[in-house]
Amino acid sequence: PLASATQILFAMFFGVFFFALYYRSGSIIPGIILHALVDLSANLNVLYPGADPLPPSERVFSRTPESALFAVAITLPLFLIGLGMLRKEASTP
């Protein structure tokens, strides 16, 4: 349950940010590029010579409450930036 809850928050934070990026830019291309960079950075260990990465079926997103909190804390700024990008702009008189 902890890993699932963490993954839900992680996906929601990224989702809000990517939607805000699309909403503000009017194009899906910046989101595609950023998503590719995030995926690449998450899998850099596979490119390391001699690396023995875990198969996806054995990866656990969060094993402890501390690692779950860390994952949420790392992605929280994206969520807050996304919310800031979605706020209604003040109209000028």
PDB file of N, CA and C in Angstrom:
ATOM      1  N   PRO A   1       0.811  -1.221   0.000  1.00  0.00           N
ATOM      2  CA  PRO A   1       0.000   0.000   0.000  1.00  0.00           C
ATOM      3  C   PRO A   1       0.849   1.277   0.000  1.00  0.00           C
ATOM      4  N   LEU A   2       1.973   1.252   0.702  1.00  0.00           N
ATOM      5  CA  LEU A   2       2.831   2.437   0.754  1.00  0.00           C
ATOM      6  C   LEU A   2       3.409   2.749  -0.627  1.00  0.00           C
ATOM      7  N   ALA A   3       3.887   1.722  -1.303  1.00  0.00           N
ATOM      8  CA  ALA A   3       4.449   1.937  -2.637  1.00  0.00           C
ATOM      9  C   ALA A   3       3.378   2.428  -3.609  1.00  0.00           C
ATOM     10  N   SER A   4       2.172   1.896  -3.498  1.00  0.00           N
ATOM     11  CA  SER A   4       1.083   2.326  -4.387  1.00  0.00           C
ATOM     12  C   SER A   4       0.696   3.769  -4.120  1.00  0.00           C
ATOM     13  N   ALA A   5       0.570   4.135  -2.861  1.00  0.00           N
ATOM     14  CA  ALA A   5       0.205   5.514  -2.508  1.00  0.00           C
ATOM     15  C   ALA A   5       1.281   6.492  -2.972  1.00  0.00           C
ATOM     16  N   THR A   6       2.534   6.101  -2.799  1.00  0.00           N
ATOM     17  CA  THR A   6       3.629   6.961  -3.248  1.00  0.00           C
ATOM     18  C   THR A   6       3.611   7.121  -4.763  1.00  0.00           C
ATOM     19  N   GLN A   7       3.383   6.030  -5.468  1.00  0.00           N
ATOM     20  CA  GLN A   7       3.345   6.085  -6.931  1.00  0.00           C
ATOM     21  C   GLN A   7       2.174   6.945  -7.413  1.00  0.00           C
ATOM     22  N   ILE A   8       1.046   6.881  -6.730  1.00  0.00           N
ATOM     23  CA  ILE A   8      -0.104   7.708  -7.098  1.00  0.00           C
ATOM     24  C   ILE A   8       0.228   9.190  -6.947  1.00  0.00           C
ATOM     25  N   LEU A   9       0.833   9.559  -5.819  1.00  0.00           N
ATOM     26  CA  LEU A   9       1.207  10.962  -5.607  1.00  0.00           C
ATOM     27  C   LEU A   9       2.263  11.400  -6.618  1.00  0.00           C
ATOM     28  N   PHE A  10       3.248  10.553  -6.835  1.00  0.00           N
ATOM     29  CA  PHE A  10       4.311  10.839  -7.790  1.00  0.00           C
ATOM     30  C   PHE A  10       3.715  11.104  -9.174  1.00  0.00           C
ATOM     31  N   ALA A  11       2.813  10.244  -9.621  1.00  0.00           N
ATOM     32  CA  ALA A  11       2.184  10.397 -10.937  1.00  0.00           C
ATOM     33  C   ALA A  11       1.291  11.635 -10.987  1.00  0.00           C
ATOM     34  N   MET A  12       0.583  11.916  -9.900  1.00  0.00           N
ATOM     35  CA  MET A  12      -0.281  13.093  -9.868  1.00  0.00           C
ATOM     36  C   MET A  12       0.547  14.376  -9.953  1.00  0.00           C
ATOM     37  N   PHE A  13       1.651  14.433  -9.210  1.00  0.00           N
ATOM     38  CA  PHE A  13       2.492  15.625  -9.231  1.00  0.00           C
ATOM     39  C   PHE A  13       3.052  15.873 -10.631  1.00  0.00           C
ATOM     40  N   PHE A  14       3.555  14.814 -11.262  1.00  0.00           N
ATOM     41  CA  PHE A  14       4.072  14.959 -12.624  1.00  0.00           C
ATOM     42  C   PHE A  14       2.947  15.299 -13.593  1.00  0.00           C
ATOM     43  N   GLY A  15       1.778  14.696 -13.410  1.00  0.00           N
ATOM     44  CA  GLY A  15       0.647  14.948 -14.298  1.00  0.00           C
ATOM     45  C   GLY A  15       0.196  16.392 -14.264  1.00  0.00           C
ATOM     46  N   VAL A  16       0.104  16.968 -13.062  1.00  0.00           N
ATOM     47  CA  VAL A  16      -0.299  18.373 -12.935  1.00  0.00           C
ATOM     48  C   VAL A  16       0.735  19.268 -13.604  1.00  0.00           C
ATOM     49  N   PHE A  17       2.007  18.964 -13.396  1.00  0.00           N
ATOM     50  CA  PHE A  17       3.051  19.785 -14.010  1.00  0.00           C
ATOM     51  C   PHE A  17       3.004  19.699 -15.531  1.00  0.00           C
ATOM     52  N   PHE A  18       2.890  18.485 -16.073  1.00  0.00           N
ATOM     53  CA  PHE A  18       2.851  18.331 -17.521  1.00  0.00           C
ATOM     54  C   PHE A  18       1.605  18.974 -18.124  1.00  0.00           C
ATOM     55  N   PHE A  19       0.470  18.887 -17.426  1.00  0.00           N
ATOM     56  CA  PHE A  19      -0.728  19.554 -17.933  1.00  0.00           C
ATOM     57  C   PHE A  19      -0.535  21.067 -17.937  1.00  0.00           C
ATOM     58  N   ALA A  20       0.035  21.603 -16.861  1.00  0.00           N
ATOM     59  CA  ALA A  20       0.263  23.048 -16.798  1.00  0.00           C
ATOM     60  C   ALA A  20       1.221  23.494 -17.901  1.00  0.00           C
ATOM     61  N   LEU A  21       2.233  22.674 -18.170  1.00  0.00           N
ATOM     62  CA  LEU A  21       3.168  22.990 -19.239  1.00  0.00           C
ATOM     63  C   LEU A  21       2.449  23.021 -20.587  1.00  0.00           C
ATOM     64  N   TYR A  22       1.587  22.041 -20.825  1.00  0.00           N
ATOM     65  CA  TYR A  22       0.805  22.015 -22.062  1.00  0.00           C
ATOM     66  C   TYR A  22      -0.148  23.205 -22.131  1.00  0.00           C
ATOM     67  N   TYR A  23      -0.828  23.489 -21.026  1.00  0.00           N
ATOM     68  CA  TYR A  23      -1.822  24.556 -20.979  1.00  0.00           C
ATOM     69  C   TYR A  23      -1.171  25.915 -21.276  1.00  0.00           C
ATOM     70  N   ARG A  24      -0.015  26.154 -20.687  1.00  0.00           N
ATOM     71  CA  ARG A  24       0.653  27.442 -20.869  1.00  0.00           C
ATOM     72  C   ARG A  24       1.335  27.580 -22.228  1.00  0.00           C
ATOM     73  N   SER A  25       1.909  26.485 -22.723  1.00  0.00           N
ATOM     74  CA  SER A  25       2.650  26.585 -23.977  1.00  0.00           C
ATOM     75  C   SER A  25       1.747  26.386 -25.194  1.00  0.00           C
ATOM     76  N   GLY A  26       0.636  25.682 -25.002  1.00  0.00           N
ATOM     77  CA  GLY A  26      -0.252  25.406 -26.120  1.00  0.00           C
ATOM     78  C   GLY A  26       0.263  24.305 -27.037  1.00  0.00           C
ATOM     79  N   SER A  27       1.326  23.628 -26.607  1.00  0.00           N
ATOM     80  CA  SER A  27       1.915  22.567 -27.410  1.00  0.00           C
ATOM     81  C   SER A  27       2.289  21.399 -26.502  1.00  0.00           C
ATOM     82  N   ILE A  28       2.181  20.221 -27.049  1.00  0.00           N
ATOM     83  CA  ILE A  28       2.535  19.030 -26.288  1.00  0.00           C
ATOM     84  C   ILE A  28       4.026  18.705 -26.407  1.00  0.00           C
ATOM     85  N   ILE A  29       4.719  19.337 -27.326  1.00  0.00           N
ATOM     86  CA  ILE A  29       6.130  19.047 -27.589  1.00  0.00           C
ATOM     87  C   ILE A  29       7.024  19.294 -26.369  1.00  0.00           C
ATOM     88  N   PRO A  30       6.907  20.421 -25.641  1.00  0.00           N
ATOM     89  CA  PRO A  30       7.767  20.585 -24.462  1.00  0.00           C
ATOM     90  C   PRO A  30       7.570  19.475 -23.423  1.00  0.00           C
ATOM     91  N   GLY A  31       6.339  19.029 -23.258  1.00  0.00           N
ATOM     92  CA  GLY A  31       6.064  17.940 -22.322  1.00  0.00           C
ATOM     93  C   GLY A  31       6.676  16.626 -22.774  1.00  0.00           C
ATOM     94  N   ILE A  32       6.628  16.373 -24.071  1.00  0.00           N
ATOM     95  CA  ILE A  32       7.228  15.146 -24.608  1.00  0.00           C
ATOM     96  C   ILE A  32       8.739  15.161 -24.377  1.00  0.00           C
ATOM     97  N   ILE A  33       9.368  16.275 -24.659  1.00  0.00           N
ATOM     98  CA  ILE A  33      10.818  16.390 -24.474  1.00  0.00           C
ATOM     99  C   ILE A  33      11.193  16.241 -23.009  1.00  0.00           C
ATOM    100  N   LEU A  34      10.470  16.922 -22.128  1.00  0.00           N
ATOM    101  CA  LEU A  34      10.756  16.827 -20.699  1.00  0.00           C
ATOM    102  C   LEU A  34      10.521  15.419 -20.174  1.00  0.00           C
ATOM    103  N   HIS A  35       9.457  14.776 -20.623  1.00  0.00           N
ATOM    104  CA  HIS A  35       9.175  13.407 -20.205  1.00  0.00           C
ATOM    105  C   HIS A  35      10.295  12.471 -20.650  1.00  0.00           C
ATOM    106  N   ALA A  36      10.793  12.653 -21.863  1.00  0.00           N
ATOM    107  CA  ALA A  36      11.904  11.833 -22.355  1.00  0.00           C
ATOM    108  C   ALA A  36      13.156  12.045 -21.504  1.00  0.00           C
ATOM    109  N   LEU A  37      13.425  13.293 -21.116  1.00  0.00           N
ATOM    110  CA  LEU A  37      14.589  13.566 -20.273  1.00  0.00           C
ATOM    111  C   LEU A  37      14.443  12.951 -18.885  1.00  0.00           C
ATOM    112  N   VAL A  38      13.242  13.007 -18.327  1.00  0.00           N
ATOM    113  CA  VAL A  38      12.997  12.400 -17.016  1.00  0.00           C
ATOM    114  C   VAL A  38      13.184  10.896 -17.098  1.00  0.00           C
ATOM    115  N   ASP A  39      12.632  10.272 -18.142  1.00  0.00           N
ATOM    116  CA  ASP A  39      12.786   8.829 -18.307  1.00  0.00           C
ATOM    117  C   ASP A  39      14.248   8.444 -18.512  1.00  0.00           C
ATOM    118  N   LEU A  40      14.958   9.220 -19.305  1.00  0.00           N
ATOM    119  CA  LEU A  40      16.371   8.939 -19.542  1.00  0.00           C
ATOM    120  C   LEU A  40      17.167   9.039 -18.249  1.00  0.00           C
ATOM    121  N   SER A  41      16.931  10.096 -17.483  1.00  0.00           N
ATOM    122  CA  SER A  41      17.686  10.261 -16.236  1.00  0.00           C
ATOM    123  C   SER A  41      17.354   9.163 -15.225  1.00  0.00           C
ATOM    124  N   ALA A  42      16.142   8.647 -15.262  1.00  0.00           N
ATOM    125  CA  ALA A  42      15.768   7.575 -14.336  1.00  0.00           C
ATOM    126  C   ALA A  42      16.402   6.254 -14.723  1.00  0.00           C
ATOM    127  N   ASN A  43      16.830   6.112 -15.961  1.00  0.00           N
ATOM    128  CA  ASN A  43      17.391   4.848 -16.437  1.00  0.00           C
ATOM    129  C   ASN A  43      18.861   4.943 -16.816  1.00  0.00           C
ATOM    130  N   LEU A  44      19.558   5.949 -16.323  1.00  0.00           N
ATOM    131  CA  LEU A  44      20.972   6.095 -16.655  1.00  0.00           C
ATOM    132  C   LEU A  44      21.816   4.942 -16.133  1.00  0.00           C
ATOM    133  N   ASN A  45      21.369   4.300 -15.066  1.00  0.00           N
ATOM    134  CA  ASN A  45      22.148   3.195 -14.515  1.00  0.00           C
ATOM    135  C   ASN A  45      22.254   2.030 -15.493  1.00  0.00           C
ATOM    136  N   VAL A  46      21.321   1.915 -16.418  1.00  0.00           N
ATOM    137  CA  VAL A  46      21.365   0.843 -17.414  1.00  0.00           C
ATOM    138  C   VAL A  46      22.521   1.063 -18.392  1.00  0.00           C
ATOM    139  N   LEU A  47      22.887   2.319 -18.617  1.00  0.00           N
ATOM    140  CA  LEU A  47      23.948   2.636 -19.560  1.00  0.00           C
ATOM    141  C   LEU A  47      25.340   2.430 -18.971  1.00  0.00           C
ATOM    142  N   TYR A  48      25.421   2.255 -17.661  1.00  0.00           N
ATOM    143  CA  TYR A  48      26.709   2.084 -17.004  1.00  0.00           C
ATOM    144  C   TYR A  48      27.273   0.700 -17.316  1.00  0.00           C
ATOM    145  N   PRO A  49      28.516   0.611 -17.794  1.00  0.00           N
ATOM    146  CA  PRO A  49      29.090  -0.696 -18.123  1.00  0.00           C
ATOM    147  C   PRO A  49      29.148  -1.607 -16.896  1.00  0.00           C
ATOM    148  N   GLY A  50      28.683  -2.803 -17.062  1.00  0.00           N
ATOM    149  CA  GLY A  50      28.714  -3.772 -15.970  1.00  0.00           C
ATOM    150  C   GLY A  50      27.564  -3.649 -15.001  1.00  0.00           C
ATOM    151  N   ALA A  51      26.629  -2.758 -15.284  1.00  0.00           N
ATOM    152  CA  ALA A  51      25.497  -2.568 -14.381  1.00  0.00           C
ATOM    153  C   ALA A  51      24.572  -3.775 -14.456  1.00  0.00           C
ATOM    154  N   ASP A  52      23.977  -4.106 -13.336  1.00  0.00           N
ATOM    155  CA  ASP A  52      23.027  -5.213 -13.277  1.00  0.00           C
ATOM    156  C   ASP A  52      21.717  -4.672 -12.720  1.00  0.00           C
ATOM    157  N   PRO A  53      20.952  -3.935 -13.554  1.00  0.00           N
ATOM    158  CA  PRO A  53      19.712  -3.327 -13.042  1.00  0.00           C
ATOM    159  C   PRO A  53      18.658  -4.380 -12.743  1.00  0.00           C
ATOM    160  N   LEU A  54      17.809  -4.042 -11.818  1.00  0.00           N
ATOM    161  CA  LEU A  54      16.693  -4.919 -11.492  1.00  0.00           C
ATOM    162  C   LEU A  54      15.678  -4.907 -12.620  1.00  0.00           C
ATOM    163  N   PRO A  55      15.067  -6.033 -12.910  1.00  0.00           N
ATOM    164  CA  PRO A  55      13.973  -6.024 -13.886  1.00  0.00           C
ATOM    165  C   PRO A  55      12.783  -5.255 -13.320  1.00  0.00           C
ATOM    166  N   PRO A  56      11.947  -4.682 -14.183  1.00  0.00           N
ATOM    167  CA  PRO A  56      10.821  -3.876 -13.696  1.00  0.00           C
ATOM    168  C   PRO A  56       9.930  -4.613 -12.702  1.00  0.00           C
ATOM    169  N   SER A  57       9.801  -5.915 -12.821  1.00  0.00           N
ATOM    170  CA  SER A  57       8.933  -6.654 -11.904  1.00  0.00           C
ATOM    171  C   SER A  57       9.486  -6.702 -10.488  1.00  0.00           C
ATOM    172  N   GLU A  58      10.796  -6.453 -10.315  1.00  0.00           N
ATOM    173  CA  GLU A  58      11.400  -6.521  -8.993  1.00  0.00           C
ATOM    174  C   GLU A  58      11.661  -5.149  -8.387  1.00  0.00           C
ATOM    175  N   ARG A  59      11.371  -4.098  -9.122  1.00  0.00           N
ATOM    176  CA  ARG A  59      11.588  -2.745  -8.591  1.00  0.00           C
ATOM    177  C   ARG A  59      10.475  -2.393  -7.624  1.00  0.00           C
ATOM    178  N   VAL A  60      10.854  -1.861  -6.493  1.00  0.00           N
ATOM    179  CA  VAL A  60       9.886  -1.387  -5.500  1.00  0.00           C
ATOM    180  C   VAL A  60      10.103   0.102  -5.359  1.00  0.00           C
ATOM    181  N   PHE A  61       9.043   0.863  -5.582  1.00  0.00           N
ATOM    182  CA  PHE A  61       9.173   2.317  -5.583  1.00  0.00           C
ATOM    183  C   PHE A  61       9.580   2.845  -4.216  1.00  0.00           C
ATOM    184  N   SER A  62       8.938   2.373  -3.171  1.00  0.00           N
ATOM    185  CA  SER A  62       9.228   2.840  -1.821  1.00  0.00           C
ATOM    186  C   SER A  62       9.142   1.675  -0.858  1.00  0.00           C
ATOM    187  N   ARG A  63      10.255   1.365  -0.259  1.00  0.00           N
ATOM    188  CA  ARG A  63      10.280   0.249   0.684  1.00  0.00           C
ATOM    189  C   ARG A  63       9.983   0.699   2.110  1.00  0.00           C
ATOM    190  N   THR A  64      10.315   1.919   2.436  1.00  0.00           N
ATOM    191  CA  THR A  64      10.141   2.414   3.804  1.00  0.00           C
ATOM    192  C   THR A  64       9.377   3.736   3.767  1.00  0.00           C
ATOM    193  N   PRO A  65       8.798   4.129   4.893  1.00  0.00           N
ATOM    194  CA  PRO A  65       8.140   5.448   4.934  1.00  0.00           C
ATOM    195  C   PRO A  65       9.098   6.596   4.610  1.00  0.00           C
ATOM    196  N   GLU A  66      10.353   6.451   4.995  1.00  0.00           N
ATOM    197  CA  GLU A  66      11.328   7.505   4.724  1.00  0.00           C
ATOM    198  C   GLU A  66      11.580   7.655   3.223  1.00  0.00           C
ATOM    199  N   SER A  67      11.711   6.524   2.519  1.00  0.00           N
ATOM    200  CA  SER A  67      11.943   6.625   1.076  1.00  0.00           C
ATOM    201  C   SER A  67      10.700   7.128   0.350  1.00  0.00           C
ATOM    202  N   ALA A  68       9.518   6.785   0.859  1.00  0.00           N
ATOM    203  CA  ALA A  68       8.279   7.296   0.269  1.00  0.00           C
ATOM    204  C   ALA A  68       8.199   8.811   0.456  1.00  0.00           C
ATOM    205  N   LEU A  69       8.507   9.265   1.653  1.00  0.00           N
ATOM    206  CA  LEU A  69       8.471  10.700   1.939  1.00  0.00           C
ATOM    207  C   LEU A  69       9.498  11.440   1.085  1.00  0.00           C
ATOM    208  N   PHE A  70      10.664  10.840   0.903  1.00  0.00           N
ATOM    209  CA  PHE A  70      11.702  11.455   0.071  1.00  0.00           C
ATOM    210  C   PHE A  70      11.226  11.588  -1.378  1.00  0.00           C
ATOM    211  N   ALA A  71      10.616  10.534  -1.916  1.00  0.00           N
ATOM    212  CA  ALA A  71      10.126  10.578  -3.297  1.00  0.00           C
ATOM    213  C   ALA A  71       9.058  11.650  -3.470  1.00  0.00           C
ATOM    214  N   VAL A  72       8.176  11.779  -2.502  1.00  0.00           N
ATOM    215  CA  VAL A  72       7.127  12.798  -2.571  1.00  0.00           C
ATOM    216  C   VAL A  72       7.744  14.190  -2.424  1.00  0.00           C
ATOM    217  N   ALA A  73       8.704  14.341  -1.520  1.00  0.00           N
ATOM    218  CA  ALA A  73       9.335  15.645  -1.314  1.00  0.00           C
ATOM    219  C   ALA A  73      10.113  16.099  -2.542  1.00  0.00           C
ATOM    220  N   ILE A  74      10.711  15.158  -3.262  1.00  0.00           N
ATOM    221  CA  ILE A  74      11.472  15.508  -4.458  1.00  0.00           C
ATOM    222  C   ILE A  74      10.550  15.993  -5.576  1.00  0.00           C
ATOM    223  N   THR A  75       9.360  15.416  -5.680  1.00  0.00           N
ATOM    224  CA  THR A  75       8.451  15.792  -6.766  1.00  0.00           C
ATOM    225  C   THR A  75       7.457  16.890  -6.375  1.00  0.00           C
ATOM    226  N   LEU A  76       7.366  17.210  -5.098  1.00  0.00           N
ATOM    227  CA  LEU A  76       6.441  18.251  -4.648  1.00  0.00           C
ATOM    228  C   LEU A  76       6.688  19.603  -5.327  1.00  0.00           C
ATOM    229  N   PRO A  77       7.939  20.034  -5.522  1.00  0.00           N
ATOM    230  CA  PRO A  77       8.138  21.310  -6.226  1.00  0.00           C
ATOM    231  C   PRO A  77       7.522  21.342  -7.625  1.00  0.00           C
ATOM    232  N   LEU A  78       7.575  20.220  -8.346  1.00  0.00           N
ATOM    233  CA  LEU A  78       6.932  20.183  -9.668  1.00  0.00           C
ATOM    234  C   LEU A  78       5.435  20.434  -9.554  1.00  0.00           C
ATOM    235  N   PHE A  79       4.823  19.820  -8.560  1.00  0.00           N
ATOM    236  CA  PHE A  79       3.390  19.996  -8.323  1.00  0.00           C
ATOM    237  C   PHE A  79       3.076  21.464  -8.025  1.00  0.00           C
ATOM    238  N   LEU A  80       3.866  22.067  -7.151  1.00  0.00           N
ATOM    239  CA  LEU A  80       3.624  23.464  -6.779  1.00  0.00           C
ATOM    240  C   LEU A  80       3.865  24.411  -7.954  1.00  0.00           C
ATOM    241  N   ILE A  81       4.891  24.131  -8.748  1.00  0.00           N
ATOM    242  CA  ILE A  81       5.136  24.942  -9.944  1.00  0.00           C
ATOM    243  C   ILE A  81       3.967  24.803 -10.913  1.00  0.00           C
ATOM    244  N   GLY A  82       3.494  23.578 -11.094  1.00  0.00           N
ATOM    245  CA  GLY A  82       2.346  23.346 -11.968  1.00  0.00           C
ATOM    246  C   GLY A  82       1.112  24.093 -11.496  1.00  0.00           C
ATOM    247  N   LEU A  83       0.848  24.050 -10.190  1.00  0.00           N
ATOM    248  CA  LEU A  83      -0.300  24.794  -9.664  1.00  0.00           C
ATOM    249  C   LEU A  83      -0.125  26.292  -9.877  1.00  0.00           C
ATOM    250  N   GLY A  84       1.095  26.773  -9.705  1.00  0.00           N
ATOM    251  CA  GLY A  84       1.368  28.196  -9.945  1.00  0.00           C
ATOM    252  C   GLY A  84       1.144  28.577 -11.394  1.00  0.00           C
ATOM    253  N   MET A  85       1.503  27.677 -12.310  1.00  0.00           N
ATOM    254  CA  MET A  85       1.305  27.948 -13.731  1.00  0.00           C
ATOM    255  C   MET A  85      -0.172  27.937 -14.094  1.00  0.00           C
ATOM    256  N   LEU A  86      -0.984  27.208 -13.331  1.00  0.00           N
ATOM    257  CA  LEU A  86      -2.420  27.099 -13.643  1.00  0.00           C
ATOM    258  C   LEU A  86      -3.268  28.161 -12.967  1.00  0.00           C
ATOM    259  N   ARG A  87      -2.688  28.930 -12.074  1.00  0.00           N
ATOM    260  CA  ARG A  87      -3.499  29.917 -11.362  1.00  0.00           C
ATOM    261  C   ARG A  87      -4.060  30.931 -12.344  1.00  0.00           C
ATOM    262  N   LYS A  88      -5.187  31.459 -11.975  1.00  0.00           N
ATOM    263  CA  LYS A  88      -5.840  32.441 -12.831  1.00  0.00           C
ATOM    264  C   LYS A  88      -5.069  33.754 -12.778  1.00  0.00           C
ATOM    265  N   GLU A  89      -4.782  34.291 -13.930  1.00  0.00           N
ATOM    266  CA  GLU A  89      -4.054  35.551 -13.978  1.00  0.00           C
ATOM    267  C   GLU A  89      -4.968  36.694 -13.612  1.00  0.00           C
ATOM    268  N   ALA A  90      -4.419  37.673 -12.900  1.00  0.00           N
ATOM    269  CA  ALA A  90      -5.203  38.839 -12.490  1.00  0.00           C
ATOM    270  C   ALA A  90      -5.496  39.684 -13.737  1.00  0.00           C
ATOM    271  N   SER A  91      -6.735  40.095 -13.839  1.00  0.00           N
ATOM    272  CA  SER A  91      -7.090  40.955 -14.972  1.00  0.00           C
ATOM    273  C   SER A  91      -6.731  42.387 -14.661  1.00  0.00           C
ATOM    274  N   THR A  92      -6.279  43.094 -15.672  1.00  0.00           N
ATOM    275  CA  THR A  92      -5.909  44.497 -15.483  1.00  0.00           C
ATOM    276  C   THR A  92      -7.080  45.377 -15.911  1.00  0.00           C
ATOM    277  N   PRO A  93      -7.364  46.394 -15.123  1.00  0.00           N
ATOM    278  CA  PRO A  93      -8.500  47.274 -15.455  1.00  0.00           C
ATOM    279  C   PRO A  93      -8.244  48.187 -16.625  1.00  0.00           C
TER     280      PRO A  93
END
